[in-house]
Amino acid sequence: MTRRDELYGEGVSGNRLRGDLSSNRKVIELLQRHHQRGNAILSSTGYCVVDGHAWRVPMGVQHALHARLTFAQIASKYPWYVTWVSPTKRRRFSKNFMDLSSAILFVTKKAQYLDPAAAVVSHHGMYIPIPLMGKFPRKMGKPPRTHYWCPRCMCPRRFARSDNGDTFYAMKKEWSNDKLRYEMKDRRLALLSCTICGGTNRDSKFRSSNQPVSHVVLRSRARTRRR
């Protein structure tokens, strides 16, 4: 095979990995190497600089570029897309991409000039990077407004409530004064959606990324000895 398009063709739309290749280690490692080659487009300061164009790549997108692909991303022909608002038509557009580096280059060369808020979005979502765990939701900007970590945009975003007032039930981490630790409790939550990509708080990745974190300290005497 000489083209990546030939690896796909399953599913209703033909955008799923072929069944006879889904367990082929050589194919999976080939796609992993192709994804990690995209790190070359990033500078040491986190900018993508190419042909006189420069774009500050968000921390979440940088994390996704360094991380290994999940099987869901490998099995999908277009796991990434770029979204922007046209300044003339006043409509939101999107464009699918097979690899993350191509999406970053598209924003650097074109999309950022049409819409400064143009964003790279993951169809499958990414968990929050470890250094940012427990720091969202938080108030940001001027005036300060609550921002949540969006697993699809891979950066902090404002979320809006549903116009219909929709709600749902989900497990939420809350502090217990009696037990002096966090507990998971079933709560009724308002449906929130991202103002950029439309992702909602129904996603388990959203709820795990926007919750407090418990720090556990391991004592030396609690470690087991090995022969």
C-alpha atoms as a PDB file:
ATOM      1  CA  MET A   1       0.000   0.000   0.000  1.00  0.00           C
ATOM      2  CA  THR A   2       1.288   3.441  -0.922  1.00  0.00           C
ATOM      3  CA  ARG A   3      -1.536   5.637   0.443  1.00  0.00           C
ATOM      4  CA  ARG A   4      -3.054   5.910   3.903  1.00  0.00           C
ATOM      5  CA  ASP A   5      -6.522   6.075   2.330  1.00  0.00           C
ATOM      6  CA  GLU A   6      -6.197   2.410   1.432  1.00  0.00           C
ATOM      7  CA  LEU A   7      -6.108   1.465   5.118  1.00  0.00           C
ATOM      8  CA  TYR A   8      -9.717   2.597   5.564  1.00  0.00           C
ATOM      9  CA  GLY A   9     -13.003   1.638   3.964  1.00  0.00           C
ATOM     10  CA  GLU A  10     -15.198   0.052   6.639  1.00  0.00           C
ATOM     11  CA  GLY A  11     -18.315   1.480   8.261  1.00  0.00           C
ATOM     12  CA  VAL A  12     -21.299   3.214   6.729  1.00  0.00           C
ATOM     13  CA  SER A  13     -19.240   6.156   5.450  1.00  0.00           C
ATOM     14  CA  GLY A  14     -16.076   4.160   4.723  1.00  0.00           C
ATOM     15  CA  ASN A  15     -14.069   6.124   7.284  1.00  0.00           C
ATOM     16  CA  ARG A  16     -13.272   3.222   9.601  1.00  0.00           C
ATOM     17  CA  LEU A  17     -10.111   1.113   9.645  1.00  0.00           C
ATOM     18  CA  ARG A  18     -10.386  -2.072   7.620  1.00  0.00           C
ATOM     19  CA  GLY A  19     -11.272  -5.080   9.739  1.00  0.00           C
ATOM     20  CA  ASP A  20      -8.388  -7.200   8.460  1.00  0.00           C
ATOM     21  CA  LEU A  21      -5.913  -4.484   9.568  1.00  0.00           C
ATOM     22  CA  SER A  22      -7.381  -3.598  12.973  1.00  0.00           C
ATOM     23  CA  SER A  23      -5.126  -6.113  14.753  1.00  0.00           C
ATOM     24  CA  ASN A  24      -2.085  -5.689  12.510  1.00  0.00           C
ATOM     25  CA  ARG A  25       0.742  -4.394  14.730  1.00  0.00           C
ATOM     26  CA  LYS A  26       2.792  -3.114  11.810  1.00  0.00           C
ATOM     27  CA  VAL A  27      -0.080  -0.953  10.577  1.00  0.00           C
ATOM     28  CA  ILE A  28      -0.813   0.424  14.053  1.00  0.00           C
ATOM     29  CA  GLU A  29       2.842   1.257  14.732  1.00  0.00           C
ATOM     30  CA  LEU A  30       3.094   2.860  11.293  1.00  0.00           C
ATOM     31  CA  LEU A  31       0.223   5.220  12.134  1.00  0.00           C
ATOM     32  CA  GLN A  32       1.736   5.925  15.559  1.00  0.00           C
ATOM     33  CA  ARG A  33       5.084   6.889  14.016  1.00  0.00           C
ATOM     34  CA  HIS A  34       3.369   9.083  11.451  1.00  0.00           C
ATOM     35  CA  HIS A  35       1.521  10.888  14.260  1.00  0.00           C
ATOM     36  CA  GLN A  36       4.637  11.453  16.375  1.00  0.00           C
ATOM     37  CA  ARG A  37       6.593  12.855  13.414  1.00  0.00           C
ATOM     38  CA  GLY A  38       4.302  15.874  13.708  1.00  0.00           C
ATOM     39  CA  ASN A  39       6.256  17.020  16.774  1.00  0.00           C
ATOM     40  CA  ALA A  40       8.793  18.523  14.381  1.00  0.00           C
ATOM     41  CA  ILE A  41       6.441  21.416  13.543  1.00  0.00           C
ATOM     42  CA  LEU A  42       6.548  22.712  17.142  1.00  0.00           C
ATOM     43  CA  SER A  43       9.255  25.063  18.377  1.00  0.00           C
ATOM     44  CA  SER A  44      10.700  24.967  21.881  1.00  0.00           C
ATOM     45  CA  THR A  45       8.378  27.836  22.867  1.00  0.00           C
ATOM     46  CA  GLY A  46       5.208  26.037  21.722  1.00  0.00           C
ATOM     47  CA  TYR A  47       4.734  27.940  18.461  1.00  0.00           C
ATOM     48  CA  CYS A  48       4.135  26.512  15.014  1.00  0.00           C
ATOM     49  CA  VAL A  49       6.233  28.599  12.626  1.00  0.00           C
ATOM     50  CA  VAL A  50       6.109  27.850   8.897  1.00  0.00           C
ATOM     51  CA  ASP A  51       6.557  30.007   5.771  1.00  0.00           C
ATOM     52  CA  GLY A  52       6.418  33.248   7.745  1.00  0.00           C
ATOM     53  CA  HIS A  53       3.262  32.262   9.660  1.00  0.00           C
ATOM     54  CA  ALA A  54       3.195  31.661  13.416  1.00  0.00           C
ATOM     55  CA  TRP A  55       0.495  30.305  15.744  1.00  0.00           C
ATOM     56  CA  ARG A  56       0.658  29.701  19.487  1.00  0.00           C
ATOM     57  CA  VAL A  57      -0.425  26.077  19.859  1.00  0.00           C
ATOM     58  CA  PRO A  58      -2.586  25.539  22.988  1.00  0.00           C
ATOM     59  CA  MET A  59      -1.107  23.369  25.730  1.00  0.00           C
ATOM     60  CA  GLY A  60      -3.776  20.691  25.310  1.00  0.00           C
ATOM     61  CA  VAL A  61      -3.063  20.401  21.575  1.00  0.00           C
ATOM     62  CA  GLN A  62       0.663  20.118  22.315  1.00  0.00           C
ATOM     63  CA  HIS A  63      -0.099  17.348  24.808  1.00  0.00           C
ATOM     64  CA  ALA A  64      -2.196  15.509  22.199  1.00  0.00           C
ATOM     65  CA  LEU A  65       0.615  15.843  19.669  1.00  0.00           C
ATOM     66  CA  HIS A  66       3.142  14.238  22.047  1.00  0.00           C
ATOM     67  CA  ALA A  67       0.770  11.530  23.325  1.00  0.00           C
ATOM     68  CA  ARG A  68       0.247   8.203  21.584  1.00  0.00           C
ATOM     69  CA  LEU A  69      -2.944   7.721  19.614  1.00  0.00           C
ATOM     70  CA  THR A  70      -5.760   5.733  21.167  1.00  0.00           C
ATOM     71  CA  PHE A  71      -7.268   2.867  19.193  1.00  0.00           C
ATOM     72  CA  ALA A  72     -10.427   4.940  18.605  1.00  0.00           C
ATOM     73  CA  GLN A  73      -8.293   7.615  16.930  1.00  0.00           C
ATOM     74  CA  ILE A  74      -6.406   5.026  14.899  1.00  0.00           C
ATOM     75  CA  ALA A  75      -9.611   3.336  13.743  1.00  0.00           C
ATOM     76  CA  SER A  76     -11.069   6.660  12.554  1.00  0.00           C
ATOM     77  CA  LYS A  77      -9.925   8.122   9.257  1.00  0.00           C
ATOM     78  CA  TYR A  78     -10.569  11.690  10.423  1.00  0.00           C
ATOM     79  CA  PRO A  79     -10.019  11.922  14.215  1.00  0.00           C
ATOM     80  CA  TRP A  80      -9.355  15.693  14.090  1.00  0.00           C
ATOM     81  CA  TYR A  81     -11.017  18.752  12.634  1.00  0.00           C
ATOM     82  CA  VAL A  82     -10.612  22.526  12.610  1.00  0.00           C
ATOM     83  CA  THR A  83     -13.523  24.871  13.269  1.00  0.00           C
ATOM     84  CA  TRP A  84     -13.759  28.605  12.566  1.00  0.00           C
ATOM     85  CA  VAL A  85     -16.345  31.329  11.908  1.00  0.00           C
ATOM     86  CA  SER A  86     -16.361  32.936   8.470  1.00  0.00           C
ATOM     87  CA  PRO A  87     -16.045  36.750   8.731  1.00  0.00           C
ATOM     88  CA  THR A  88     -18.188  37.256   5.602  1.00  0.00           C
ATOM     89  CA  LYS A  89     -20.914  34.596   5.920  1.00  0.00           C
ATOM     90  CA  ARG A  90     -21.064  34.713   9.738  1.00  0.00           C
ATOM     91  CA  ARG A  91     -21.353  30.940   9.823  1.00  0.00           C
ATOM     92  CA  ARG A  92     -19.273  28.270  11.547  1.00  0.00           C
ATOM     93  CA  PHE A  93     -17.347  25.938   9.258  1.00  0.00           C
ATOM     94  CA  SER A  94     -15.261  22.842   9.926  1.00  0.00           C
ATOM     95  CA  LYS A  95     -12.706  20.801   8.007  1.00  0.00           C
ATOM     96  CA  ASN A  96     -11.669  17.209   8.797  1.00  0.00           C
ATOM     97  CA  PHE A  97      -8.034  16.061   8.948  1.00  0.00           C
ATOM     98  CA  MET A  98      -6.378  12.661   9.072  1.00  0.00           C
ATOM     99  CA  ASP A  99      -3.525  13.769  11.342  1.00  0.00           C
ATOM    100  CA  LEU A 100      -3.095  16.422  14.011  1.00  0.00           C
ATOM    101  CA  SER A 101      -0.051  18.104  12.451  1.00  0.00           C
ATOM    102  CA  SER A 102      -2.011  18.887   9.265  1.00  0.00           C
ATOM    103  CA  ALA A 103      -4.778  20.482  11.347  1.00  0.00           C
ATOM    104  CA  ILE A 104      -2.225  22.657  13.179  1.00  0.00           C
ATOM    105  CA  LEU A 105      -0.647  23.756   9.892  1.00  0.00           C
ATOM    106  CA  PHE A 106      -4.080  24.653   8.482  1.00  0.00           C
ATOM    107  CA  VAL A 107      -4.781  26.940  11.451  1.00  0.00           C
ATOM    108  CA  THR A 108      -1.290  28.463  11.221  1.00  0.00           C
ATOM    109  CA  LYS A 109      -1.499  29.267   7.507  1.00  0.00           C
ATOM    110  CA  LYS A 110      -5.189  30.021   6.954  1.00  0.00           C
ATOM    111  CA  ALA A 111      -7.815  29.633   9.672  1.00  0.00           C
ATOM    112  CA  GLN A 112      -6.314  32.038  12.224  1.00  0.00           C
ATOM    113  CA  TYR A 113      -6.553  34.906   9.719  1.00  0.00           C
ATOM    114  CA  LEU A 114     -10.252  34.220   9.136  1.00  0.00           C
ATOM    115  CA  ASP A 115     -11.066  33.762  12.825  1.00  0.00           C
ATOM    116  CA  PRO A 116      -8.588  34.455  15.666  1.00  0.00           C
ATOM    117  CA  ALA A 117     -10.571  31.953  17.777  1.00  0.00           C
ATOM    118  CA  ALA A 118     -10.118  29.112  15.276  1.00  0.00           C
ATOM    119  CA  ALA A 119      -9.532  25.850  17.132  1.00  0.00           C
ATOM    120  CA  VAL A 120      -8.297  22.317  16.581  1.00  0.00           C
ATOM    121  CA  VAL A 121     -10.868  19.824  17.867  1.00  0.00           C
ATOM    122  CA  SER A 122     -10.666  16.113  18.645  1.00  0.00           C
ATOM    123  CA  HIS A 123     -13.653  14.011  17.582  1.00  0.00           C
ATOM    124  CA  HIS A 124     -12.967  11.553  20.420  1.00  0.00           C
ATOM    125  CA  GLY A 125     -11.832  13.981  23.139  1.00  0.00           C
ATOM    126  CA  MET A 126      -8.666  14.069  25.229  1.00  0.00           C
ATOM    127  CA  TYR A 127      -8.240  13.979  28.996  1.00  0.00           C
ATOM    128  CA  ILE A 128      -6.794  17.062  30.673  1.00  0.00           C
ATOM    129  CA  PRO A 129      -2.951  17.101  30.941  1.00  0.00           C
ATOM    130  CA  ILE A 130      -1.629  16.026  34.335  1.00  0.00           C
ATOM    131  CA  PRO A 131      -0.132  19.464  35.262  1.00  0.00           C
ATOM    132  CA  LEU A 132      -3.614  21.025  34.908  1.00  0.00           C
ATOM    133  CA  MET A 133      -5.570  18.419  36.866  1.00  0.00           C
ATOM    134  CA  GLY A 134      -7.687  19.917  39.645  1.00  0.00           C
ATOM    135  CA  LYS A 135      -7.371  23.493  38.311  1.00  0.00           C
ATOM    136  CA  PHE A 136     -10.713  23.676  36.500  1.00  0.00           C
ATOM    137  CA  PRO A 137     -13.324  25.062  36.569  1.00  0.00           C
ATOM    138  CA  ARG A 138     -11.770  28.474  37.243  1.00  0.00           C
ATOM    139  CA  LYS A 139     -12.491  32.124  36.485  1.00  0.00           C
ATOM    140  CA  MET A 140     -10.443  33.565  33.648  1.00  0.00           C
ATOM    141  CA  GLY A 141     -10.408  36.652  31.445  1.00  0.00           C
ATOM    142  CA  LYS A 142     -11.597  40.214  31.958  1.00  0.00           C
ATOM    143  CA  PRO A 143     -14.204  40.367  33.359  1.00  0.00           C
ATOM    144  CA  PRO A 144     -13.544  37.007  35.082  1.00  0.00           C
ATOM    145  CA  ARG A 145     -15.869  34.288  33.837  1.00  0.00           C
ATOM    146  CA  THR A 146     -16.017  30.610  34.616  1.00  0.00           C
ATOM    147  CA  HIS A 147     -14.085  28.411  32.180  1.00  0.00           C
ATOM    148  CA  TYR A 148     -14.150  24.624  32.003  1.00  0.00           C
ATOM    149  CA  TRP A 149     -11.624  22.316  30.398  1.00  0.00           C
ATOM    150  CA  CYS A 150     -13.094  21.118  27.093  1.00  0.00           C
ATOM    151  CA  PRO A 151     -11.817  17.623  26.186  1.00  0.00           C
ATOM    152  CA  ARG A 152     -12.668  18.152  22.530  1.00  0.00           C
ATOM    153  CA  CYS A 153     -11.150  21.631  22.091  1.00  0.00           C
ATOM    154  CA  MET A 154      -8.281  20.561  24.393  1.00  0.00           C
ATOM    155  CA  CYS A 155      -8.206  23.970  26.095  1.00  0.00           C
ATOM    156  CA  PRO A 156     -10.280  26.074  28.550  1.00  0.00           C
ATOM    157  CA  ARG A 157     -13.643  27.160  27.172  1.00  0.00           C
ATOM    158  CA  ARG A 158     -16.811  28.862  28.314  1.00  0.00           C
ATOM    159  CA  PHE A 159     -19.837  26.588  28.534  1.00  0.00           C
ATOM    160  CA  ALA A 160     -23.456  27.695  28.177  1.00  0.00           C
ATOM    161  CA  ARG A 161     -26.613  26.136  29.565  1.00  0.00           C
ATOM    162  CA  SER A 162     -29.129  24.523  27.246  1.00  0.00           C
ATOM    163  CA  ASP A 163     -31.896  26.816  25.989  1.00  0.00           C
ATOM    164  CA  ASN A 164     -34.450  24.159  26.915  1.00  0.00           C
ATOM    165  CA  GLY A 165     -33.151  23.827  30.465  1.00  0.00           C
ATOM    166  CA  ASP A 166     -32.224  20.162  29.936  1.00  0.00           C
ATOM    167  CA  THR A 167     -30.772  18.241  32.864  1.00  0.00           C
ATOM    168  CA  PHE A 168     -29.303  14.793  33.468  1.00  0.00           C
ATOM    169  CA  TYR A 169     -27.996  12.674  36.335  1.00  0.00           C
ATOM    170  CA  ALA A 170     -24.318  11.821  36.769  1.00  0.00           C
ATOM    171  CA  MET A 171     -21.756  11.042  39.453  1.00  0.00           C
ATOM    172  CA  LYS A 172     -20.048  14.134  40.879  1.00  0.00           C
ATOM    173  CA  LYS A 173     -17.140  14.373  43.332  1.00  0.00           C
ATOM    174  CA  GLU A 174     -18.025  16.314  46.483  1.00  0.00           C
ATOM    175  CA  TRP A 175     -16.230  16.990  49.757  1.00  0.00           C
ATOM    176  CA  SER A 176     -17.513  15.169  52.844  1.00  0.00           C
ATOM    177  CA  ASN A 177     -16.998  16.982  56.151  1.00  0.00           C
ATOM    178  CA  ASP A 178     -17.699  13.785  58.073  1.00  0.00           C
ATOM    179  CA  LYS A 179     -15.173  11.574  56.275  1.00  0.00           C
ATOM    180  CA  LEU A 180     -12.749  14.417  55.417  1.00  0.00           C
ATOM    181  CA  ARG A 181     -12.371  13.240  51.847  1.00  0.00           C
ATOM    182  CA  TYR A 182     -14.084  13.448  48.482  1.00  0.00           C
ATOM    183  CA  GLU A 183     -16.991  11.155  47.671  1.00  0.00           C
ATOM    184  CA  MET A 184     -18.781  10.367  44.420  1.00  0.00           C
ATOM    185  CA  LYS A 185     -22.484  11.215  44.605  1.00  0.00           C
ATOM    186  CA  ASP A 186     -25.280  10.967  42.081  1.00  0.00           C
ATOM    187  CA  ARG A 187     -26.432  14.507  41.291  1.00  0.00           C
ATOM    188  CA  ARG A 188     -28.801  16.234  38.920  1.00  0.00           C
ATOM    189  CA  LEU A 189     -26.762  18.483  36.629  1.00  0.00           C
ATOM    190  CA  ALA A 190     -27.693  21.143  34.112  1.00  0.00           C
ATOM    191  CA  LEU A 191     -26.709  20.351  30.531  1.00  0.00           C
ATOM    192  CA  LEU A 192     -23.788  22.555  29.446  1.00  0.00           C
ATOM    193  CA  SER A 193     -22.306  22.839  25.966  1.00  0.00           C
ATOM    194  CA  CYS A 194     -19.048  24.328  24.691  1.00  0.00           C
ATOM    195  CA  THR A 195     -19.483  27.620  22.852  1.00  0.00           C
ATOM    196  CA  ILE A 196     -16.898  26.593  20.234  1.00  0.00           C
ATOM    197  CA  CYS A 197     -17.234  22.872  19.438  1.00  0.00           C
ATOM    198  CA  GLY A 198     -20.590  22.033  21.036  1.00  0.00           C
ATOM    199  CA  GLY A 199     -19.230  19.324  23.356  1.00  0.00           C
ATOM    200  CA  THR A 200     -21.344  18.777  26.472  1.00  0.00           C
ATOM    201  CA  ASN A 201     -20.762  17.846  30.097  1.00  0.00           C
ATOM    202  CA  ARG A 202     -22.400  14.474  29.452  1.00  0.00           C
ATOM    203  CA  ASP A 203     -18.965  13.325  28.341  1.00  0.00           C
ATOM    204  CA  SER A 204     -17.206  11.396  31.104  1.00  0.00           C
ATOM    205  CA  LYS A 205     -13.906  12.969  30.007  1.00  0.00           C
ATOM    206  CA  PHE A 206     -15.359  16.396  30.740  1.00  0.00           C
ATOM    207  CA  ARG A 207     -16.445  15.435  34.249  1.00  0.00           C
ATOM    208  CA  SER A 208     -13.147  13.716  35.096  1.00  0.00           C
ATOM    209  CA  SER A 209     -11.181  16.729  33.826  1.00  0.00           C
ATOM    210  CA  ASN A 210     -13.235  19.301  35.752  1.00  0.00           C
ATOM    211  CA  GLN A 211     -13.201  17.910  39.260  1.00  0.00           C
ATOM    212  CA  PRO A 212     -10.997  18.239  42.364  1.00  0.00           C
ATOM    213  CA  VAL A 213      -8.010  15.947  42.716  1.00  0.00           C
ATOM    214  CA  SER A 214      -7.012  14.051  45.848  1.00  0.00           C
ATOM    215  CA  HIS A 215      -3.289  13.814  46.602  1.00  0.00           C
ATOM    216  CA  VAL A 216      -2.186  10.546  48.160  1.00  0.00           C
ATOM    217  CA  VAL A 217       1.143  10.390  50.007  1.00  0.00           C
ATOM    218  CA  LEU A 218       2.808   6.988  50.251  1.00  0.00           C
ATOM    219  CA  ARG A 219       4.840   6.472  53.375  1.00  0.00           C
ATOM    220  CA  SER A 220       8.128   4.617  53.192  1.00  0.00           C
ATOM    221  CA  ARG A 221       7.045   1.930  55.642  1.00  0.00           C
ATOM    222  CA  ALA A 222       3.979   1.172  53.526  1.00  0.00           C
ATOM    223  CA  ARG A 223       6.062   0.011  50.579  1.00  0.00           C
ATOM    224  CA  THR A 224       6.483  -3.696  50.007  1.00  0.00           C
ATOM    225  CA  ARG A 225       9.886  -5.269  49.743  1.00  0.00           C
ATOM    226  CA  ARG A 226      10.859  -7.456  46.828  1.00  0.00           C
ATOM    227  CA  ARG A 227      13.471 -10.156  46.672  1.00  0.00           C
END
